[in-house]
Structures are given as structure tokens and as C-alpha cells.
Amino acid sequence: MKRNNMKKFCLVIVLFSLLSACEKDDFCTQNPITPKLVLRFYDVTNKTEPKAVESLYVWATGKDSILVNQSLDSISIPLNTIATETVYNFSKGAVINQFTITYTTSQIYVSRSCGFKVNFNDVVFNSNNTWIKDINATTTTIDNQNAAHVQIFH
């Protein structure tokens, strides 16, 4: 009788050990992505009216193109998370406008399953103003991509 109790006890210990060693699946449900820079294009003569850029061609300096031959009134583009500056070239037809974004980065721990995301702080925008006539920054911190961060007038 004692031997059967000992076997049952050992079986319970083994089962408990196996079950407690299992981890539940960890899924990232918080959408921790590093936000992209969202730009919205507007008519320079009517600054409240969105205006598509015809044949927009965008590329980061030293990189391949992101958008080719598109007519868009807004775009979202990634920033370099391991640098403090990203330079983009926006081509409208044969005219190229250089657009420079400077910033500081901060890594935010989201969770074990999600990892880290990067936010961009102290963001400053500069343009050599060829076909882009004016810029209006709506924020100096990029921590989401729910709305435009920059208004570009052309």
C-alpha cells in the first residue's frame, strides 16, 4: 500500500513539474512597431486642401527607391533608427527636393514578446525648397503613425 502511494506521489510530482515548466505562448498584441514618418501634401495656394504629388519618386540617400511614379497626397517613410539623421530625395518630374530629418532616438521596451520600439524625439525638418515651397511640422515627437507629422506645401 505504501508503495502505491509513493508511486502516485512521484507521478503527481512529475506531472506538476512538466505542467509548470510549460510556458503559455507569448504573442505581441500591442502593435509596438517603430513608427514611420507620415507626410501629407497640400496645395501651397490653399493650405487646407490636400494635393497629390504627380509622379512622386522617393528615395533615401544611398538607398533604393521607396515609391515610384505614384500620385499621392500622403506617404509614410521609415527613419533610420541607428542614426540621428535621415535624408530623403523627393522627385517630382525632373526636379529633386532634398528633405532632411534630424532627431534623437529613444528605445522603448514594450514586452518580452514584442521587444523594443524606437521613438523619435526633438525632430527637425529641413528642405532645400525646390518644388516644396513650405513645411509645417505638426509635432517634434514621432511615437505613432496615426496622423501626419509634417505638412508639405507645393
N, C-alpha and C. Protein backbone atom coordinates (compact mmCIF):
# COMPACT_ATOMS: atom_id res chain seq x y z
N MET A 1 0.82 -1.19 0.00
CA MET A 1 0.00 0.00 0.00
C MET A 1 0.87 1.26 0.00
N LYS A 2 1.90 1.27 0.81
CA LYS A 2 2.79 2.43 0.85
C LYS A 2 3.51 2.61 -0.47
N ARG A 3 3.79 1.50 -1.14
CA ARG A 3 4.49 1.58 -2.41
C ARG A 3 3.60 2.23 -3.48
N ASN A 4 2.32 1.91 -3.50
CA ASN A 4 1.38 2.53 -4.44
C ASN A 4 1.23 4.03 -4.18
N ASN A 5 1.18 4.41 -2.91
CA ASN A 5 1.10 5.84 -2.55
C ASN A 5 2.34 6.58 -2.99
N MET A 6 3.47 5.94 -2.85
CA MET A 6 4.74 6.56 -3.24
C MET A 6 4.78 6.75 -4.77
N LYS A 7 4.27 5.76 -5.53
CA LYS A 7 4.23 5.87 -6.99
C LYS A 7 3.29 6.99 -7.41
N LYS A 8 2.14 7.08 -6.76
CA LYS A 8 1.18 8.14 -7.07
C LYS A 8 1.78 9.51 -6.76
N PHE A 9 2.47 9.59 -5.63
CA PHE A 9 3.10 10.84 -5.23
C PHE A 9 4.16 11.25 -6.26
N CYS A 10 4.97 10.30 -6.67
CA CYS A 10 6.01 10.57 -7.67
C CYS A 10 5.39 10.98 -9.01
N LEU A 11 4.29 10.31 -9.39
CA LEU A 11 3.60 10.64 -10.63
C LEU A 11 3.03 12.07 -10.56
N VAL A 12 2.46 12.44 -9.44
CA VAL A 12 1.93 13.79 -9.26
C VAL A 12 3.06 14.81 -9.35
N ILE A 13 4.17 14.54 -8.73
CA ILE A 13 5.33 15.45 -8.77
C ILE A 13 5.83 15.61 -10.19
N VAL A 14 5.93 14.52 -10.93
CA VAL A 14 6.41 14.57 -12.31
C VAL A 14 5.43 15.36 -13.18
N LEU A 15 4.15 15.08 -13.05
CA LEU A 15 3.15 15.81 -13.83
C LEU A 15 3.15 17.30 -13.49
N PHE A 16 3.23 17.61 -12.22
CA PHE A 16 3.28 19.01 -11.80
C PHE A 16 4.51 19.70 -12.38
N SER A 17 5.64 19.02 -12.36
CA SER A 17 6.88 19.60 -12.91
C SER A 17 6.75 19.85 -14.40
N LEU A 18 6.17 18.90 -15.12
CA LEU A 18 6.00 19.07 -16.56
C LEU A 18 5.05 20.21 -16.88
N LEU A 19 3.94 20.27 -16.17
CA LEU A 19 2.96 21.31 -16.43
C LEU A 19 3.45 22.70 -16.05
N SER A 20 4.18 22.79 -14.98
CA SER A 20 4.66 24.10 -14.56
C SER A 20 5.83 24.57 -15.42
N ALA A 21 6.50 23.66 -16.11
CA ALA A 21 7.61 24.04 -16.98
C ALA A 21 7.11 24.59 -18.31
N CYS A 22 5.88 24.30 -18.67
CA CYS A 22 5.32 24.80 -19.93
C CYS A 22 5.01 26.28 -19.79
N GLU A 23 5.38 27.02 -20.82
CA GLU A 23 5.05 28.43 -20.84
C GLU A 23 3.91 28.64 -21.82
N LYS A 24 3.03 29.54 -21.48
CA LYS A 24 1.97 29.84 -22.44
C LYS A 24 2.59 30.63 -23.59
N ASP A 25 2.00 30.50 -24.75
CA ASP A 25 2.51 31.21 -25.92
C ASP A 25 2.43 32.70 -25.67
N ASP A 26 3.50 33.37 -26.03
CA ASP A 26 3.59 34.81 -25.86
C ASP A 26 3.40 35.47 -27.22
N PHE A 27 2.31 36.18 -27.40
CA PHE A 27 2.05 36.87 -28.64
C PHE A 27 2.03 38.36 -28.38
N CYS A 28 2.60 39.06 -29.30
CA CYS A 28 2.61 40.52 -29.19
C CYS A 28 1.28 41.04 -29.71
N THR A 29 0.51 41.65 -28.82
CA THR A 29 -0.80 42.17 -29.20
C THR A 29 -0.86 43.69 -29.11
N GLN A 30 0.27 44.34 -28.81
CA GLN A 30 0.24 45.78 -28.56
C GLN A 30 0.66 46.64 -29.74
N ASN A 31 0.98 46.05 -30.89
CA ASN A 31 1.43 46.80 -32.06
C ASN A 31 2.58 47.74 -31.70
N PRO A 32 3.73 47.18 -31.33
CA PRO A 32 4.83 48.01 -30.85
C PRO A 32 5.74 48.55 -31.94
N ILE A 33 5.27 48.61 -33.16
CA ILE A 33 6.18 48.93 -34.25
C ILE A 33 6.78 50.32 -34.09
N THR A 34 7.99 50.43 -34.58
CA THR A 34 8.63 51.72 -34.65
C THR A 34 7.87 52.55 -35.68
N PRO A 35 7.39 53.71 -35.31
CA PRO A 35 6.54 54.48 -36.24
C PRO A 35 7.33 55.03 -37.41
N LYS A 36 6.64 55.10 -38.52
CA LYS A 36 7.18 55.76 -39.71
C LYS A 36 6.81 57.23 -39.67
N LEU A 37 7.54 58.03 -40.41
CA LEU A 37 7.24 59.44 -40.57
C LEU A 37 6.10 59.57 -41.58
N VAL A 38 5.03 60.25 -41.19
CA VAL A 38 3.88 60.43 -42.06
C VAL A 38 3.87 61.87 -42.58
N LEU A 39 3.89 62.01 -43.91
CA LEU A 39 3.88 63.32 -44.55
C LEU A 39 2.60 63.47 -45.34
N ARG A 40 2.03 64.64 -45.28
CA ARG A 40 0.81 64.93 -46.05
C ARG A 40 1.10 66.14 -46.93
N PHE A 41 0.73 66.04 -48.19
CA PHE A 41 0.99 67.09 -49.17
C PHE A 41 -0.25 67.97 -49.35
N TYR A 42 0.00 69.29 -49.40
CA TYR A 42 -1.09 70.28 -49.51
C TYR A 42 -0.79 71.28 -50.63
N ASP A 43 -1.85 71.91 -51.08
CA ASP A 43 -1.75 72.96 -52.09
C ASP A 43 -1.17 74.21 -51.43
N VAL A 44 -0.13 74.78 -52.00
CA VAL A 44 0.51 75.95 -51.42
C VAL A 44 -0.40 77.19 -51.48
N THR A 45 -1.33 77.23 -52.43
CA THR A 45 -2.22 78.40 -52.53
C THR A 45 -3.46 78.26 -51.65
N ASN A 46 -3.83 77.03 -51.29
CA ASN A 46 -4.95 76.78 -50.39
C ASN A 46 -4.46 75.76 -49.36
N LYS A 47 -3.88 76.24 -48.28
CA LYS A 47 -3.14 75.39 -47.35
C LYS A 47 -4.00 74.40 -46.57
N THR A 48 -5.30 74.42 -46.75
CA THR A 48 -6.15 73.43 -46.08
C THR A 48 -6.56 72.30 -47.03
N GLU A 49 -6.19 72.43 -48.29
CA GLU A 49 -6.61 71.47 -49.32
C GLU A 49 -5.48 70.48 -49.63
N PRO A 50 -5.69 69.18 -49.34
CA PRO A 50 -4.67 68.18 -49.73
C PRO A 50 -4.47 68.19 -51.24
N LYS A 51 -3.23 67.98 -51.65
CA LYS A 51 -2.92 68.00 -53.09
C LYS A 51 -1.93 66.89 -53.39
N ALA A 52 -2.32 65.99 -54.28
CA ALA A 52 -1.45 64.88 -54.67
C ALA A 52 -0.23 65.40 -55.41
N VAL A 53 0.87 64.70 -55.22
CA VAL A 53 2.09 64.99 -55.97
C VAL A 53 2.11 64.03 -57.15
N GLU A 54 2.12 64.59 -58.35
CA GLU A 54 2.11 63.75 -59.55
C GLU A 54 3.50 63.15 -59.77
N SER A 55 3.53 61.88 -60.11
CA SER A 55 4.78 61.16 -60.42
C SER A 55 5.83 61.31 -59.33
N LEU A 56 5.44 61.08 -58.09
CA LEU A 56 6.36 61.19 -56.96
C LEU A 56 7.30 59.99 -56.93
N TYR A 57 8.57 60.29 -56.79
CA TYR A 57 9.60 59.27 -56.72
C TYR A 57 10.43 59.61 -55.48
N VAL A 58 10.51 58.70 -54.51
CA VAL A 58 11.15 58.98 -53.22
C VAL A 58 12.25 57.95 -52.96
N TRP A 59 13.41 58.44 -52.51
CA TRP A 59 14.47 57.52 -52.10
C TRP A 59 15.31 58.17 -51.01
N ALA A 60 15.81 57.32 -50.11
CA ALA A 60 16.72 57.79 -49.07
C ALA A 60 18.11 57.86 -49.68
N THR A 61 18.89 58.84 -49.26
CA THR A 61 20.23 58.98 -49.78
C THR A 61 21.00 57.68 -49.55
N GLY A 62 21.56 57.15 -50.61
CA GLY A 62 22.32 55.90 -50.53
C GLY A 62 21.47 54.65 -50.56
N LYS A 63 20.17 54.78 -50.76
CA LYS A 63 19.26 53.62 -50.78
C LYS A 63 18.47 53.60 -52.09
N ASP A 64 17.77 52.49 -52.28
CA ASP A 64 16.90 52.36 -53.46
C ASP A 64 15.60 53.14 -53.23
N SER A 65 14.82 53.21 -54.29
CA SER A 65 13.57 53.96 -54.21
C SER A 65 12.56 53.28 -53.31
N ILE A 66 11.67 54.07 -52.76
CA ILE A 66 10.57 53.55 -51.95
C ILE A 66 9.29 53.62 -52.76
N LEU A 67 9.00 54.76 -53.33
CA LEU A 67 7.80 54.94 -54.15
C LEU A 67 8.22 55.34 -55.55
N VAL A 68 7.63 54.71 -56.53
CA VAL A 68 7.98 55.02 -57.90
C VAL A 68 6.72 55.40 -58.67
N ASN A 69 6.78 56.56 -59.31
CA ASN A 69 5.74 57.01 -60.22
C ASN A 69 4.34 56.90 -59.61
N GLN A 70 4.16 57.46 -58.45
CA GLN A 70 2.88 57.46 -57.76
C GLN A 70 2.33 58.88 -57.72
N SER A 71 1.02 58.98 -57.65
CA SER A 71 0.36 60.27 -57.43
C SER A 71 -0.34 60.17 -56.08
N LEU A 72 0.29 60.75 -55.06
CA LEU A 72 -0.19 60.58 -53.70
C LEU A 72 -0.30 61.90 -52.97
N ASP A 73 -1.25 61.99 -52.02
CA ASP A 73 -1.32 63.18 -51.18
C ASP A 73 -0.76 62.92 -49.79
N SER A 74 -0.31 61.69 -49.52
CA SER A 74 0.37 61.39 -48.25
C SER A 74 1.23 60.15 -48.42
N ILE A 75 2.30 60.10 -47.66
CA ILE A 75 3.18 58.94 -47.65
C ILE A 75 3.68 58.71 -46.23
N SER A 76 4.09 57.49 -45.96
CA SER A 76 4.78 57.19 -44.70
C SER A 76 6.10 56.54 -45.05
N ILE A 77 7.16 57.06 -44.46
CA ILE A 77 8.51 56.59 -44.78
C ILE A 77 9.26 56.29 -43.48
N PRO A 78 10.12 55.29 -43.51
CA PRO A 78 10.86 54.95 -42.29
C PRO A 78 12.01 55.91 -42.04
N LEU A 79 12.36 56.07 -40.78
CA LEU A 79 13.54 56.82 -40.38
C LEU A 79 14.60 55.84 -39.93
N ASN A 80 15.85 56.23 -40.05
CA ASN A 80 16.96 55.37 -39.64
C ASN A 80 17.05 55.34 -38.11
N THR A 81 16.83 54.17 -37.53
CA THR A 81 16.80 54.06 -36.06
C THR A 81 18.18 54.03 -35.43
N ILE A 82 19.23 53.85 -36.23
CA ILE A 82 20.58 53.79 -35.66
C ILE A 82 21.40 55.04 -36.01
N ALA A 83 20.71 56.07 -36.47
CA ALA A 83 21.36 57.34 -36.80
C ALA A 83 20.55 58.47 -36.18
N THR A 84 21.05 59.68 -36.32
CA THR A 84 20.33 60.86 -35.83
C THR A 84 19.84 61.73 -36.97
N GLU A 85 19.97 61.22 -38.19
CA GLU A 85 19.54 61.98 -39.36
C GLU A 85 19.18 61.01 -40.48
N THR A 86 18.11 61.34 -41.19
CA THR A 86 17.74 60.62 -42.40
C THR A 86 17.51 61.66 -43.49
N VAL A 87 18.08 61.40 -44.66
CA VAL A 87 17.93 62.32 -45.78
C VAL A 87 17.17 61.61 -46.90
N TYR A 88 16.08 62.23 -47.33
CA TYR A 88 15.28 61.71 -48.43
C TYR A 88 15.33 62.67 -49.60
N ASN A 89 15.21 62.10 -50.78
CA ASN A 89 15.08 62.88 -52.00
C ASN A 89 13.68 62.65 -52.55
N PHE A 90 12.98 63.74 -52.82
CA PHE A 90 11.64 63.68 -53.39
C PHE A 90 11.72 64.25 -54.80
N SER A 91 11.46 63.41 -55.76
CA SER A 91 11.50 63.85 -57.15
C SER A 91 10.08 64.03 -57.67
N LYS A 92 9.85 65.18 -58.26
CA LYS A 92 8.57 65.50 -58.91
C LYS A 92 8.94 65.87 -60.35
N GLY A 93 8.74 64.90 -61.24
CA GLY A 93 9.23 65.10 -62.60
C GLY A 93 10.75 65.08 -62.59
N ALA A 94 11.36 66.13 -63.16
CA ALA A 94 12.82 66.20 -63.20
C ALA A 94 13.40 67.01 -62.04
N VAL A 95 12.55 67.55 -61.17
CA VAL A 95 13.02 68.40 -60.09
C VAL A 95 13.11 67.58 -58.80
N ILE A 96 14.28 67.65 -58.16
CA ILE A 96 14.53 66.88 -56.93
C ILE A 96 14.62 67.83 -55.75
N ASN A 97 13.90 67.49 -54.71
CA ASN A 97 13.94 68.25 -53.46
C ASN A 97 14.55 67.36 -52.40
N GLN A 98 15.58 67.87 -51.72
CA GLN A 98 16.19 67.10 -50.63
C GLN A 98 15.51 67.48 -49.32
N PHE A 99 15.11 66.46 -48.57
CA PHE A 99 14.36 66.63 -47.33
C PHE A 99 15.14 65.93 -46.22
N THR A 100 15.60 66.70 -45.23
CA THR A 100 16.44 66.17 -44.16
C THR A 100 15.66 66.18 -42.84
N ILE A 101 15.72 65.05 -42.15
CA ILE A 101 15.06 64.92 -40.85
C ILE A 101 16.14 64.61 -39.82
N THR A 102 16.26 65.46 -38.79
CA THR A 102 17.20 65.19 -37.70
C THR A 102 16.39 64.93 -36.44
N TYR A 103 16.96 64.11 -35.53
CA TYR A 103 16.22 63.66 -34.36
C TYR A 103 17.15 62.96 -33.38
N THR A 104 16.62 62.72 -32.20
CA THR A 104 17.24 61.81 -31.24
C THR A 104 16.30 60.61 -31.12
N THR A 105 16.87 59.48 -30.75
CA THR A 105 16.03 58.28 -30.63
C THR A 105 15.97 57.83 -29.19
N SER A 106 14.88 57.15 -28.87
CA SER A 106 14.76 56.50 -27.56
C SER A 106 14.11 55.14 -27.77
N GLN A 107 14.76 54.13 -27.21
CA GLN A 107 14.21 52.78 -27.30
C GLN A 107 13.23 52.58 -26.16
N ILE A 108 12.08 52.03 -26.49
CA ILE A 108 11.02 51.79 -25.51
C ILE A 108 10.80 50.28 -25.43
N TYR A 109 10.93 49.73 -24.22
CA TYR A 109 10.66 48.32 -24.03
C TYR A 109 9.16 48.13 -23.95
N VAL A 110 8.63 47.26 -24.82
CA VAL A 110 7.19 47.03 -24.86
C VAL A 110 6.84 45.81 -24.03
N SER A 111 7.43 44.67 -24.33
CA SER A 111 7.21 43.44 -23.56
C SER A 111 8.18 42.38 -24.07
N ARG A 112 8.18 41.26 -23.40
CA ARG A 112 9.08 40.18 -23.80
C ARG A 112 8.74 39.69 -25.20
N SER A 113 7.47 39.57 -25.49
CA SER A 113 7.07 39.06 -26.80
C SER A 113 7.18 40.13 -27.89
N CYS A 114 7.01 41.38 -27.53
CA CYS A 114 7.04 42.46 -28.52
C CYS A 114 8.44 43.04 -28.70
N GLY A 115 9.24 43.00 -27.69
CA GLY A 115 10.58 43.56 -27.77
C GLY A 115 10.58 45.07 -27.58
N PHE A 116 11.41 45.74 -28.36
CA PHE A 116 11.58 47.19 -28.26
C PHE A 116 11.01 47.88 -29.49
N LYS A 117 10.65 49.13 -29.31
CA LYS A 117 10.34 50.00 -30.44
C LYS A 117 11.14 51.28 -30.24
N VAL A 118 11.30 52.03 -31.29
CA VAL A 118 12.07 53.27 -31.23
C VAL A 118 11.13 54.44 -31.47
N ASN A 119 11.22 55.44 -30.61
CA ASN A 119 10.53 56.71 -30.81
C ASN A 119 11.55 57.75 -31.23
N PHE A 120 11.10 58.76 -31.95
CA PHE A 120 11.97 59.83 -32.43
C PHE A 120 11.57 61.12 -31.74
N ASN A 121 12.55 61.76 -31.11
CA ASN A 121 12.30 62.98 -30.33
C ASN A 121 13.09 64.15 -30.91
N ASP A 122 12.69 65.35 -30.54
CA ASP A 122 13.37 66.57 -30.98
C ASP A 122 13.54 66.60 -32.49
N VAL A 123 12.48 66.24 -33.19
CA VAL A 123 12.52 66.11 -34.64
C VAL A 123 12.50 67.50 -35.30
N VAL A 124 13.41 67.68 -36.25
CA VAL A 124 13.52 68.93 -37.01
C VAL A 124 13.55 68.56 -38.49
N PHE A 125 12.80 69.32 -39.29
CA PHE A 125 12.70 69.07 -40.73
C PHE A 125 13.31 70.23 -41.49
N ASN A 126 14.10 69.91 -42.52
CA ASN A 126 14.69 70.92 -43.38
C ASN A 126 14.54 70.49 -44.83
N SER A 127 14.42 71.48 -45.71
CA SER A 127 14.24 71.21 -47.12
C SER A 127 15.04 72.23 -47.92
N ASN A 128 15.52 71.80 -49.09
CA ASN A 128 16.21 72.78 -49.94
C ASN A 128 15.23 73.54 -50.84
N ASN A 129 13.92 73.31 -50.62
CA ASN A 129 12.82 74.09 -51.21
C ASN A 129 12.95 74.31 -52.72
N THR A 130 13.03 73.22 -53.45
CA THR A 130 12.95 73.37 -54.91
C THR A 130 11.47 73.36 -55.29
N TRP A 131 10.83 72.23 -55.34
CA TRP A 131 9.39 72.20 -55.64
C TRP A 131 8.55 72.21 -54.37
N ILE A 132 9.15 71.87 -53.23
CA ILE A 132 8.46 72.01 -51.94
C ILE A 132 8.61 73.46 -51.52
N LYS A 133 7.50 74.14 -51.35
CA LYS A 133 7.54 75.57 -51.07
C LYS A 133 7.53 75.90 -49.58
N ASP A 134 6.93 75.03 -48.76
CA ASP A 134 6.85 75.30 -47.33
C ASP A 134 6.63 73.99 -46.57
N ILE A 135 7.03 73.99 -45.31
CA ILE A 135 6.89 72.81 -44.44
C ILE A 135 6.28 73.27 -43.13
N ASN A 136 5.36 72.47 -42.61
CA ASN A 136 4.79 72.74 -41.30
C ASN A 136 4.86 71.45 -40.48
N ALA A 137 5.70 71.46 -39.46
CA ALA A 137 5.80 70.29 -38.57
C ALA A 137 4.65 70.34 -37.58
N THR A 138 3.91 69.25 -37.46
CA THR A 138 2.79 69.21 -36.52
C THR A 138 3.20 68.64 -35.18
N THR A 139 4.43 68.12 -35.09
CA THR A 139 4.93 67.55 -33.84
C THR A 139 6.45 67.54 -33.86
N THR A 140 7.05 67.43 -32.68
CA THR A 140 8.50 67.24 -32.59
C THR A 140 8.83 65.86 -32.06
N THR A 141 7.81 65.05 -31.83
CA THR A 141 7.99 63.68 -31.36
C THR A 141 7.19 62.75 -32.27
N ILE A 142 7.86 61.70 -32.73
CA ILE A 142 7.18 60.70 -33.55
C ILE A 142 7.13 59.42 -32.74
N ASP A 143 5.95 59.14 -32.17
CA ASP A 143 5.78 57.94 -31.35
C ASP A 143 4.60 57.09 -31.82
N ASN A 144 3.96 57.51 -32.90
CA ASN A 144 2.90 56.72 -33.53
C ASN A 144 2.78 57.18 -34.97
N GLN A 145 1.97 56.47 -35.73
CA GLN A 145 1.76 56.87 -37.12
C GLN A 145 0.27 57.00 -37.42
N ASN A 146 -0.45 57.55 -36.44
CA ASN A 146 -1.90 57.73 -36.56
C ASN A 146 -2.29 58.97 -37.35
N ALA A 147 -1.41 59.93 -37.44
CA ALA A 147 -1.72 61.18 -38.14
C ALA A 147 -0.43 61.72 -38.76
N ALA A 148 -0.59 62.70 -39.64
CA ALA A 148 0.57 63.28 -40.30
C ALA A 148 1.45 64.02 -39.31
N HIS A 149 2.76 63.85 -39.46
CA HIS A 149 3.73 64.57 -38.63
C HIS A 149 4.20 65.86 -39.30
N VAL A 150 4.07 65.89 -40.63
CA VAL A 150 4.56 67.03 -41.41
C VAL A 150 3.56 67.35 -42.51
N GLN A 151 3.30 68.63 -42.68
CA GLN A 151 2.53 69.12 -43.82
C GLN A 151 3.50 69.73 -44.82
N ILE A 152 3.42 69.26 -46.05
CA ILE A 152 4.31 69.77 -47.10
C ILE A 152 3.45 70.48 -48.13
N PHE A 153 3.81 71.74 -48.41
CA PHE A 153 3.05 72.56 -49.34
C PHE A 153 3.81 72.68 -50.66
N HIS A 154 3.09 72.44 -51.74
CA HIS A 154 3.72 72.51 -53.08
C HIS A 154 2.75 73.11 -54.08
